[in-house]
Amino acid sequence: MIHNILKDKPTRLFIILSGFLIANAMVAEFMGVKIFSLEELFGWKPANIRLFGDSYSFNLTCGVLLWPVVFVMTDIINEYYGRKGVRFISWLAVILIGYGFIMLFGAMKTPPNSWWITSKQSAGIENMSSAYNGIFGQGLGIIIASMTAFLIGQLIDVFVFRSIKKKTGEKHIWLRATGSTLVSQFIDSFVVLMIAFYFYPKWVPNQGSAWPVNQVVAIGIVNYIYKFCVAILLTPVIYLVHYRIEKYLGHDLAKKMKKAAMGQGDGLSDIPVGG
């Protein structure tokens, strides 16, 4: 039975695509605690974009390096496995991310060994336990905001993707993939900021002051400019992934899977195991 499942090309492809999506989503969450300057990374001068009377540059969380990849993988899965496949993977990703944070929270609460606390003082880290907790101890508001934005973004991505594909058919892969990513990333950019830095501080005591709405909007715009550019740059990658998948599955099987994903036909039940 296991041998037959692993021989089945659609199943094996689903495992690979899903694993890559979930891995990117989890890593993006954990590395997102670091803020970096996009301009300094490339040796550019600060952008100093004027919005609502203030100046903003591309100071981004490291998580934005991977989130566009997550939404591209969503479109690939949507293409071949439909919204049920995307919905299943999205919920699984959120559950596993939540599990990861619970495990990290437990690790933070363990008593540190005395010699480990001072083991990196020569490298400038006075207290390893404080550094560990400071890096991994993201506020609950950030976690809730990020996972909520992820789920909302996934639902919107699927809806826009399917709407475009119904009108264009198999043509214009770039339009449905890049277009749906641009829309979902736009929503994602503002949802995560509004929940984490506007609503959460208002609703939960002792969480600091809520950001002004104009600050949330301004930072959301700057973040989206970056995501927009990355989504456009990733368009050739989408075609490359499609080409490799079509070559792996074969034209007939790939066509049958795409029809099933759109609800056109009997679904994947008629695709033979080991096909």
C-alpha atoms as a PDB file:
ATOM      1  CA  MET A   1       0.000   0.000   0.000  1.00  0.00           C
ATOM      2  CA  ILE A   2       2.706   2.523   0.995  1.00  0.00           C
ATOM      3  CA  HIS A   3       4.699   1.542  -2.087  1.00  0.00           C
ATOM      4  CA  ASN A   4       1.690   2.217  -4.333  1.00  0.00           C
ATOM      5  CA  ILE A   5       1.006   5.576  -2.681  1.00  0.00           C
ATOM      6  CA  LEU A   6       4.589   6.732  -3.171  1.00  0.00           C
ATOM      7  CA  LYS A   7       4.530   5.528  -6.788  1.00  0.00           C
ATOM      8  CA  ASP A   8       1.452   7.621  -7.509  1.00  0.00           C
ATOM      9  CA  LYS A   9       2.728  10.751  -9.237  1.00  0.00           C
ATOM     10  CA  PRO A  10      -0.113  13.123  -8.193  1.00  0.00           C
ATOM     11  CA  THR A  11       0.246  12.028  -4.559  1.00  0.00           C
ATOM     12  CA  ARG A  12       4.016  12.331  -4.586  1.00  0.00           C
ATOM     13  CA  LEU A  13       3.809  15.763  -6.206  1.00  0.00           C
ATOM     14  CA  PHE A  14       1.248  16.919  -3.632  1.00  0.00           C
ATOM     15  CA  ILE A  15       3.551  15.851  -0.792  1.00  0.00           C
ATOM     16  CA  ILE A  16       6.511  17.698  -2.331  1.00  0.00           C
ATOM     17  CA  LEU A  17       4.591  20.927  -3.042  1.00  0.00           C
ATOM     18  CA  SER A  18       2.857  20.876   0.345  1.00  0.00           C
ATOM     19  CA  GLY A  19       6.071  20.190   2.224  1.00  0.00           C
ATOM     20  CA  PHE A  20       7.806  23.071   0.472  1.00  0.00           C
ATOM     21  CA  LEU A  21       4.893  25.452   1.185  1.00  0.00           C
ATOM     22  CA  ILE A  22       4.654  24.516   4.863  1.00  0.00           C
ATOM     23  CA  ALA A  23       8.428  24.654   5.346  1.00  0.00           C
ATOM     24  CA  ASN A  24       8.567  28.155   3.840  1.00  0.00           C
ATOM     25  CA  ALA A  25       5.601  29.338   5.925  1.00  0.00           C
ATOM     26  CA  MET A  26       7.101  28.046   9.189  1.00  0.00           C
ATOM     27  CA  VAL A  27      10.599  29.379   8.477  1.00  0.00           C
ATOM     28  CA  ALA A  28       9.101  32.749   7.484  1.00  0.00           C
ATOM     29  CA  GLU A  29       7.337  32.956  10.844  1.00  0.00           C
ATOM     30  CA  PHE A  30      10.446  32.145  12.879  1.00  0.00           C
ATOM     31  CA  MET A  31      12.879  34.334  10.930  1.00  0.00           C
ATOM     32  CA  GLY A  32      10.404  37.207  10.838  1.00  0.00           C
ATOM     33  CA  VAL A  33      11.588  38.538  14.222  1.00  0.00           C
ATOM     34  CA  LYS A  34      14.538  40.221  12.511  1.00  0.00           C
ATOM     35  CA  ILE A  35      14.104  43.595  10.823  1.00  0.00           C
ATOM     36  CA  PHE A  36      16.460  44.401   7.958  1.00  0.00           C
ATOM     37  CA  SER A  37      17.047  47.346   5.645  1.00  0.00           C
ATOM     38  CA  LEU A  38      16.446  46.465   2.006  1.00  0.00           C
ATOM     39  CA  GLU A  39      18.374  49.533   0.887  1.00  0.00           C
ATOM     40  CA  GLU A  40      21.429  48.669   2.956  1.00  0.00           C
ATOM     41  CA  LEU A  41      21.312  45.085   1.678  1.00  0.00           C
ATOM     42  CA  PHE A  42      21.895  46.344  -1.870  1.00  0.00           C
ATOM     43  CA  GLY A  43      24.003  49.369  -0.930  1.00  0.00           C
ATOM     44  CA  TRP A  44      21.280  51.846  -1.883  1.00  0.00           C
ATOM     45  CA  LYS A  45      20.337  55.094  -0.200  1.00  0.00           C
ATOM     46  CA  PRO A  46      17.172  55.021   1.963  1.00  0.00           C
ATOM     47  CA  ALA A  47      14.046  55.424  -0.155  1.00  0.00           C
ATOM     48  CA  ASN A  48      12.492  57.982   2.218  1.00  0.00           C
ATOM     49  CA  ILE A  49       9.000  57.591   0.766  1.00  0.00           C
ATOM     50  CA  ARG A  50       6.774  60.428   1.965  1.00  0.00           C
ATOM     51  CA  LEU A  51       3.406  59.184   3.227  1.00  0.00           C
ATOM     52  CA  PHE A  52       0.973  61.073   5.466  1.00  0.00           C
ATOM     53  CA  GLY A  53       3.615  63.627   6.373  1.00  0.00           C
ATOM     54  CA  ASP A  54       6.265  61.127   7.477  1.00  0.00           C
ATOM     55  CA  SER A  55       9.196  59.453   5.731  1.00  0.00           C
ATOM     56  CA  TYR A  56       9.403  55.659   5.350  1.00  0.00           C
ATOM     57  CA  SER A  57      12.099  53.357   4.001  1.00  0.00           C
ATOM     58  CA  PHE A  58      12.133  49.624   3.260  1.00  0.00           C
ATOM     59  CA  ASN A  59      12.727  48.319   6.770  1.00  0.00           C
ATOM     60  CA  LEU A  60      11.168  44.880   6.508  1.00  0.00           C
ATOM     61  CA  THR A  61      10.885  41.696   8.541  1.00  0.00           C
ATOM     62  CA  CYS A  62      12.953  38.829   7.179  1.00  0.00           C
ATOM     63  CA  GLY A  63       9.706  36.907   6.840  1.00  0.00           C
ATOM     64  CA  VAL A  64       8.812  38.883   3.703  1.00  0.00           C
ATOM     65  CA  LEU A  65      11.679  37.137   1.920  1.00  0.00           C
ATOM     66  CA  LEU A  66       9.656  33.906   1.894  1.00  0.00           C
ATOM     67  CA  TRP A  67       5.967  34.853   1.993  1.00  0.00           C
ATOM     68  CA  PRO A  68       5.769  35.622  -1.761  1.00  0.00           C
ATOM     69  CA  VAL A  69       7.117  32.103  -2.373  1.00  0.00           C
ATOM     70  CA  VAL A  70       4.348  30.692  -0.152  1.00  0.00           C
ATOM     71  CA  PHE A  71       1.651  32.389  -2.222  1.00  0.00           C
ATOM     72  CA  VAL A  72       3.242  31.250  -5.483  1.00  0.00           C
ATOM     73  CA  MET A  73       3.213  27.674  -4.178  1.00  0.00           C
ATOM     74  CA  THR A  74      -0.449  28.202  -3.269  1.00  0.00           C
ATOM     75  CA  ASP A  75      -1.188  28.998  -6.912  1.00  0.00           C
ATOM     76  CA  ILE A  76       0.690  25.923  -8.119  1.00  0.00           C
ATOM     77  CA  ILE A  77      -1.261  23.680  -5.728  1.00  0.00           C
ATOM     78  CA  ASN A  78      -4.489  25.424  -6.728  1.00  0.00           C
ATOM     79  CA  GLU A  79      -3.715  24.744 -10.394  1.00  0.00           C
ATOM     80  CA  TYR A  80      -3.425  20.982  -9.949  1.00  0.00           C
ATOM     81  CA  TYR A  81      -5.366  20.168  -6.768  1.00  0.00           C
ATOM     82  CA  GLY A  82      -8.016  22.885  -6.511  1.00  0.00           C
ATOM     83  CA  ARG A  83      -9.275  24.849  -3.551  1.00  0.00           C
ATOM     84  CA  LYS A  84      -9.763  21.734  -1.400  1.00  0.00           C
ATOM     85  CA  GLY A  85      -6.061  21.007  -1.695  1.00  0.00           C
ATOM     86  CA  VAL A  86      -5.153  24.598  -0.822  1.00  0.00           C
ATOM     87  CA  ARG A  87      -7.605  24.673   2.084  1.00  0.00           C
ATOM     88  CA  PHE A  88      -6.183  21.456   3.526  1.00  0.00           C
ATOM     89  CA  ILE A  89      -2.579  22.660   3.279  1.00  0.00           C
ATOM     90  CA  SER A  90      -3.412  26.117   4.639  1.00  0.00           C
ATOM     91  CA  TRP A  91      -5.031  24.722   7.796  1.00  0.00           C
ATOM     92  CA  LEU A  92      -2.258  22.179   8.215  1.00  0.00           C
ATOM     93  CA  ALA A  93       0.342  24.961   7.927  1.00  0.00           C
ATOM     94  CA  VAL A  94      -1.443  27.088  10.555  1.00  0.00           C
ATOM     95  CA  ILE A  95      -1.755  24.105  12.936  1.00  0.00           C
ATOM     96  CA  LEU A  96       1.927  23.233  12.546  1.00  0.00           C
ATOM     97  CA  ILE A  97       3.020  26.865  12.976  1.00  0.00           C
ATOM     98  CA  GLY A  98       0.918  27.073  16.142  1.00  0.00           C
ATOM     99  CA  TYR A  99       2.426  23.807  17.348  1.00  0.00           C
ATOM    100  CA  GLY A 100       5.913  25.164  16.663  1.00  0.00           C
ATOM    101  CA  PHE A 101       5.277  28.286  18.729  1.00  0.00           C
ATOM    102  CA  ILE A 102       3.862  26.225  21.614  1.00  0.00           C
ATOM    103  CA  MET A 103       7.004  24.081  21.608  1.00  0.00           C
ATOM    104  CA  LEU A 104       9.194  27.194  21.524  1.00  0.00           C
ATOM    105  CA  PHE A 105       7.210  28.706  24.393  1.00  0.00           C
ATOM    106  CA  GLY A 106       7.826  25.529  26.387  1.00  0.00           C
ATOM    107  CA  ALA A 107      11.547  25.663  25.570  1.00  0.00           C
ATOM    108  CA  MET A 108      11.698  29.289  26.748  1.00  0.00           C
ATOM    109  CA  LYS A 109      10.224  28.285  30.111  1.00  0.00           C
ATOM    110  CA  THR A 110      12.842  25.607  30.824  1.00  0.00           C
ATOM    111  CA  PRO A 111      15.499  26.614  33.399  1.00  0.00           C
ATOM    112  CA  PRO A 112      18.777  27.458  31.597  1.00  0.00           C
ATOM    113  CA  ASN A 113      22.055  25.814  32.558  1.00  0.00           C
ATOM    114  CA  SER A 114      24.304  28.272  34.399  1.00  0.00           C
ATOM    115  CA  TRP A 115      27.390  27.783  32.212  1.00  0.00           C
ATOM    116  CA  TRP A 116      25.334  28.150  29.015  1.00  0.00           C
ATOM    117  CA  ILE A 117      24.058  31.590  30.059  1.00  0.00           C
ATOM    118  CA  THR A 118      27.559  33.078  29.901  1.00  0.00           C
ATOM    119  CA  SER A 119      28.996  30.777  27.210  1.00  0.00           C
ATOM    120  CA  LYS A 120      28.968  33.468  24.470  1.00  0.00           C
ATOM    121  CA  GLN A 121      30.148  36.506  26.425  1.00  0.00           C
ATOM    122  CA  SER A 122      33.352  36.563  24.373  1.00  0.00           C
ATOM    123  CA  ALA A 123      31.144  37.059  21.301  1.00  0.00           C
ATOM    124  CA  GLY A 124      29.313  39.979  22.932  1.00  0.00           C
ATOM    125  CA  ILE A 125      26.242  38.060  24.143  1.00  0.00           C
ATOM    126  CA  GLU A 126      26.035  38.661  27.887  1.00  0.00           C
ATOM    127  CA  ASN A 127      23.098  36.360  28.597  1.00  0.00           C
ATOM    128  CA  MET A 128      22.284  33.522  26.179  1.00  0.00           C
ATOM    129  CA  SER A 129      18.966  32.788  27.900  1.00  0.00           C
ATOM    130  CA  SER A 130      17.763  36.378  27.525  1.00  0.00           C
ATOM    131  CA  ALA A 131      18.934  36.431  23.902  1.00  0.00           C
ATOM    132  CA  TYR A 132      17.134  33.145  23.161  1.00  0.00           C
ATOM    133  CA  ASN A 133      13.900  34.320  24.750  1.00  0.00           C
ATOM    134  CA  GLY A 134      14.167  37.740  23.120  1.00  0.00           C
ATOM    135  CA  ILE A 135      14.559  36.284  19.634  1.00  0.00           C
ATOM    136  CA  PHE A 136      11.933  33.558  19.798  1.00  0.00           C
ATOM    137  CA  GLY A 137       9.523  35.207  22.204  1.00  0.00           C
ATOM    138  CA  GLN A 138       7.344  37.020  19.701  1.00  0.00           C
ATOM    139  CA  GLY A 139       4.247  38.560  21.201  1.00  0.00           C
ATOM    140  CA  LEU A 140       0.985  36.642  20.966  1.00  0.00           C
ATOM    141  CA  GLY A 141      -0.462  39.506  18.925  1.00  0.00           C
ATOM    142  CA  ILE A 142       2.126  38.981  16.173  1.00  0.00           C
ATOM    143  CA  ILE A 143       1.407  35.250  16.064  1.00  0.00           C
ATOM    144  CA  ILE A 144      -2.371  35.707  15.896  1.00  0.00           C
ATOM    145  CA  ALA A 145      -2.054  38.463  13.301  1.00  0.00           C
ATOM    146  CA  SER A 146       0.316  36.501  11.097  1.00  0.00           C
ATOM    147  CA  MET A 147      -1.733  33.302  11.053  1.00  0.00           C
ATOM    148  CA  THR A 148      -5.001  35.197  10.534  1.00  0.00           C
ATOM    149  CA  ALA A 149      -3.509  37.173   7.660  1.00  0.00           C
ATOM    150  CA  PHE A 150      -2.123  33.964   6.165  1.00  0.00           C
ATOM    151  CA  LEU A 151      -5.521  32.237   6.180  1.00  0.00           C
ATOM    152  CA  ILE A 152      -7.355  35.274   4.791  1.00  0.00           C
ATOM    153  CA  GLY A 153      -4.671  35.747   2.138  1.00  0.00           C
ATOM    154  CA  GLN A 154      -4.915  32.093   1.103  1.00  0.00           C
ATOM    155  CA  LEU A 155      -8.702  32.259   0.736  1.00  0.00           C
ATOM    156  CA  ILE A 156      -8.498  35.417  -1.346  1.00  0.00           C
ATOM    157  CA  ASP A 157      -5.665  33.994  -3.452  1.00  0.00           C
ATOM    158  CA  VAL A 158      -7.735  30.892  -4.270  1.00  0.00           C
ATOM    159  CA  PHE A 159     -10.838  32.946  -5.109  1.00  0.00           C
ATOM    160  CA  VAL A 160      -9.016  35.370  -7.426  1.00  0.00           C
ATOM    161  CA  PHE A 161      -7.020  32.568  -9.055  1.00  0.00           C
ATOM    162  CA  ARG A 162     -10.141  30.549  -9.872  1.00  0.00           C
ATOM    163  CA  SER A 163     -12.078  33.607 -11.034  1.00  0.00           C
ATOM    164  CA  ILE A 164      -9.356  34.542 -13.513  1.00  0.00           C
ATOM    165  CA  LYS A 165      -8.920  30.956 -14.718  1.00  0.00           C
ATOM    166  CA  LYS A 166     -12.650  30.562 -15.358  1.00  0.00           C
ATOM    167  CA  LYS A 167     -12.485  33.534 -17.720  1.00  0.00           C
ATOM    168  CA  THR A 168      -9.137  32.819 -19.407  1.00  0.00           C
ATOM    169  CA  GLY A 169      -9.009  29.008 -19.360  1.00  0.00           C
ATOM    170  CA  GLU A 170      -5.518  27.565 -19.731  1.00  0.00           C
ATOM    171  CA  LYS A 171      -4.168  30.787 -21.205  1.00  0.00           C
ATOM    172  CA  HIS A 172      -2.296  33.491 -19.319  1.00  0.00           C
ATOM    173  CA  ILE A 173      -0.736  31.535 -16.451  1.00  0.00           C
ATOM    174  CA  TRP A 174       1.042  34.736 -15.390  1.00  0.00           C
ATOM    175  CA  LEU A 175      -2.255  36.587 -15.045  1.00  0.00           C
ATOM    176  CA  ARG A 176      -3.970  34.142 -12.694  1.00  0.00           C
ATOM    177  CA  ALA A 177      -0.842  33.260 -10.697  1.00  0.00           C
ATOM    178  CA  THR A 178       0.790  36.677 -10.381  1.00  0.00           C
ATOM    179  CA  GLY A 179      -2.555  38.508 -10.307  1.00  0.00           C
ATOM    180  CA  SER A 180      -3.949  36.418  -7.446  1.00  0.00           C
ATOM    181  CA  THR A 181      -0.670  36.783  -5.534  1.00  0.00           C
ATOM    182  CA  LEU A 182      -0.715  40.560  -5.924  1.00  0.00           C
ATOM    183  CA  VAL A 183      -4.273  40.792  -4.589  1.00  0.00           C
ATOM    184  CA  SER A 184      -3.746  38.371  -1.682  1.00  0.00           C
ATOM    185  CA  GLN A 185      -0.437  39.996  -0.696  1.00  0.00           C
ATOM    186  CA  PHE A 186      -2.129  43.392  -0.665  1.00  0.00           C
ATOM    187  CA  ILE A 187      -4.725  42.170   1.826  1.00  0.00           C
ATOM    188  CA  ASP A 188      -2.096  40.265   3.832  1.00  0.00           C
ATOM    189  CA  SER A 189       0.111  43.360   4.163  1.00  0.00           C
ATOM    190  CA  PHE A 190      -2.583  45.358   5.937  1.00  0.00           C
ATOM    191  CA  VAL A 191      -4.380  42.621   7.897  1.00  0.00           C
ATOM    192  CA  VAL A 192      -1.260  41.553   9.797  1.00  0.00           C
ATOM    193  CA  LEU A 193      -0.375  45.147  10.742  1.00  0.00           C
ATOM    194  CA  MET A 194      -3.918  46.134  11.724  1.00  0.00           C
ATOM    195  CA  ILE A 195      -4.363  43.125  14.013  1.00  0.00           C
ATOM    196  CA  ALA A 196      -0.883  43.135  15.583  1.00  0.00           C
ATOM    197  CA  PHE A 197      -0.320  46.857  16.046  1.00  0.00           C
ATOM    198  CA  TYR A 198      -3.750  48.502  16.040  1.00  0.00           C
ATOM    199  CA  PHE A 199      -6.491  46.146  17.307  1.00  0.00           C
ATOM    200  CA  TYR A 200      -4.459  43.867  19.605  1.00  0.00           C
ATOM    201  CA  PRO A 201      -3.020  46.706  21.770  1.00  0.00           C
ATOM    202  CA  LYS A 202      -6.540  48.187  22.026  1.00  0.00           C
ATOM    203  CA  TRP A 203      -8.194  44.934  23.042  1.00  0.00           C
ATOM    204  CA  VAL A 204      -5.540  43.416  25.307  1.00  0.00           C
ATOM    205  CA  PRO A 205      -4.310  45.301  28.429  1.00  0.00           C
ATOM    206  CA  ASN A 206      -0.638  46.175  28.954  1.00  0.00           C
ATOM    207  CA  GLN A 207       0.365  45.752  25.303  1.00  0.00           C
ATOM    208  CA  GLY A 208       1.567  49.289  24.700  1.00  0.00           C
ATOM    209  CA  SER A 209      -0.032  51.957  22.580  1.00  0.00           C
ATOM    210  CA  ALA A 210      -1.777  51.159  19.327  1.00  0.00           C
ATOM    211  CA  TRP A 211      -0.214  52.565  16.171  1.00  0.00           C
ATOM    212  CA  PRO A 212      -2.084  55.422  14.507  1.00  0.00           C
ATOM    213  CA  VAL A 213      -4.059  54.247  11.474  1.00  0.00           C
ATOM    214  CA  ASN A 214      -2.006  56.414   9.128  1.00  0.00           C
ATOM    215  CA  GLN A 215       1.188  54.722  10.349  1.00  0.00           C
ATOM    216  CA  VAL A 216      -0.320  51.262   9.788  1.00  0.00           C
ATOM    217  CA  VAL A 217      -1.414  52.249   6.280  1.00  0.00           C
ATOM    218  CA  ALA A 218       1.933  53.838   5.431  1.00  0.00           C
ATOM    219  CA  ILE A 219       3.989  50.835   6.539  1.00  0.00           C
ATOM    220  CA  GLY A 220       1.515  48.526   4.794  1.00  0.00           C
ATOM    221  CA  ILE A 221       2.005  50.456   1.542  1.00  0.00           C
ATOM    222  CA  VAL A 222       5.800  50.255   1.809  1.00  0.00           C
ATOM    223  CA  ASN A 223       5.629  46.521   2.538  1.00  0.00           C
ATOM    224  CA  TYR A 224       3.293  45.979  -0.392  1.00  0.00           C
ATOM    225  CA  ILE A 225       5.575  47.833  -2.809  1.00  0.00           C
ATOM    226  CA  TYR A 226       8.258  45.275  -1.977  1.00  0.00           C
ATOM    227  CA  LYS A 227       5.862  42.316  -2.271  1.00  0.00           C
ATOM    228  CA  PHE A 228       4.499  43.660  -5.577  1.00  0.00           C
ATOM    229  CA  CYS A 229       7.982  43.839  -7.081  1.00  0.00           C
ATOM    230  CA  VAL A 230       8.914  40.357  -5.836  1.00  0.00           C
ATOM    231  CA  ALA A 231       5.675  38.857  -7.218  1.00  0.00           C
ATOM    232  CA  ILE A 232       6.454  40.306 -10.651  1.00  0.00           C
ATOM    233  CA  LEU A 233      10.043  39.034 -10.512  1.00  0.00           C
ATOM    234  CA  LEU A 234       8.821  35.551  -9.585  1.00  0.00           C
ATOM    235  CA  THR A 235       6.626  35.267 -12.692  1.00  0.00           C
ATOM    236  CA  PRO A 236       9.311  33.405 -14.735  1.00  0.00           C
ATOM    237  CA  VAL A 237       9.701  30.995 -11.807  1.00  0.00           C
ATOM    238  CA  ILE A 238       5.997  30.134 -12.054  1.00  0.00           C
ATOM    239  CA  TYR A 239       6.431  29.160 -15.701  1.00  0.00           C
ATOM    240  CA  LEU A 240       9.515  27.118 -14.873  1.00  0.00           C
ATOM    241  CA  VAL A 241       7.692  25.214 -12.115  1.00  0.00           C
ATOM    242  CA  HIS A 242       4.729  24.576 -14.425  1.00  0.00           C
ATOM    243  CA  TYR A 243       7.074  23.265 -17.105  1.00  0.00           C
ATOM    244  CA  ARG A 244       8.811  20.890 -14.696  1.00  0.00           C
ATOM    245  CA  ILE A 245       5.493  19.612 -13.315  1.00  0.00           C
ATOM    246  CA  GLU A 246       4.031  19.043 -16.785  1.00  0.00           C
ATOM    247  CA  LYS A 247       7.177  17.164 -17.782  1.00  0.00           C
ATOM    248  CA  TYR A 248       7.026  15.051 -14.624  1.00  0.00           C
ATOM    249  CA  LEU A 249       3.311  14.207 -14.844  1.00  0.00           C
ATOM    250  CA  GLY A 250       2.961  14.007 -18.581  1.00  0.00           C
ATOM    251  CA  HIS A 251       0.566  16.147 -20.622  1.00  0.00           C
ATOM    252  CA  ASP A 252      -2.498  13.890 -20.335  1.00  0.00           C
ATOM    253  CA  LEU A 253      -2.293  13.381 -16.572  1.00  0.00           C
ATOM    254  CA  ALA A 254      -1.561  17.070 -15.944  1.00  0.00           C
ATOM    255  CA  LYS A 255      -4.544  18.079 -18.080  1.00  0.00           C
ATOM    256  CA  LYS A 256      -6.832  15.665 -16.224  1.00  0.00           C
ATOM    257  CA  MET A 257      -5.637  16.989 -12.849  1.00  0.00           C
ATOM    258  CA  LYS A 258      -6.181  20.625 -13.848  1.00  0.00           C
ATOM    259  CA  LYS A 259      -9.720  19.848 -15.029  1.00  0.00           C
ATOM    260  CA  ALA A 260     -10.441  18.034 -11.773  1.00  0.00           C
ATOM    261  CA  ALA A 261      -9.027  20.979  -9.796  1.00  0.00           C
ATOM    262  CA  MET A 262     -11.577  23.260 -11.459  1.00  0.00           C
ATOM    263  CA  GLY A 263     -14.402  20.805 -10.803  1.00  0.00           C
ATOM    264  CA  GLN A 264     -14.602  19.763 -14.438  1.00  0.00           C
ATOM    265  CA  GLY A 265     -14.798  15.981 -14.604  1.00  0.00           C
ATOM    266  CA  ASP A 266     -14.815  13.087 -12.196  1.00  0.00           C
ATOM    267  CA  GLY A 267     -11.883  14.274 -10.100  1.00  0.00           C
ATOM    268  CA  LEU A 268      -8.694  12.384  -9.377  1.00  0.00           C
ATOM    269  CA  SER A 269     -10.457   9.141  -8.536  1.00  0.00           C
ATOM    270  CA  ASP A 270     -10.082   8.040 -12.142  1.00  0.00           C
ATOM    271  CA  ILE A 271      -6.322   8.646 -12.182  1.00  0.00           C
ATOM    272  CA  PRO A 272      -4.599   5.306 -11.689  1.00  0.00           C
ATOM    273  CA  VAL A 273      -2.199   4.730  -8.803  1.00  0.00           C
ATOM    274  CA  GLY A 274       1.334   4.702 -10.086  1.00  0.00           C
ATOM    275  CA  GLY A 275       0.291   6.856 -13.056  1.00  0.00           C
END
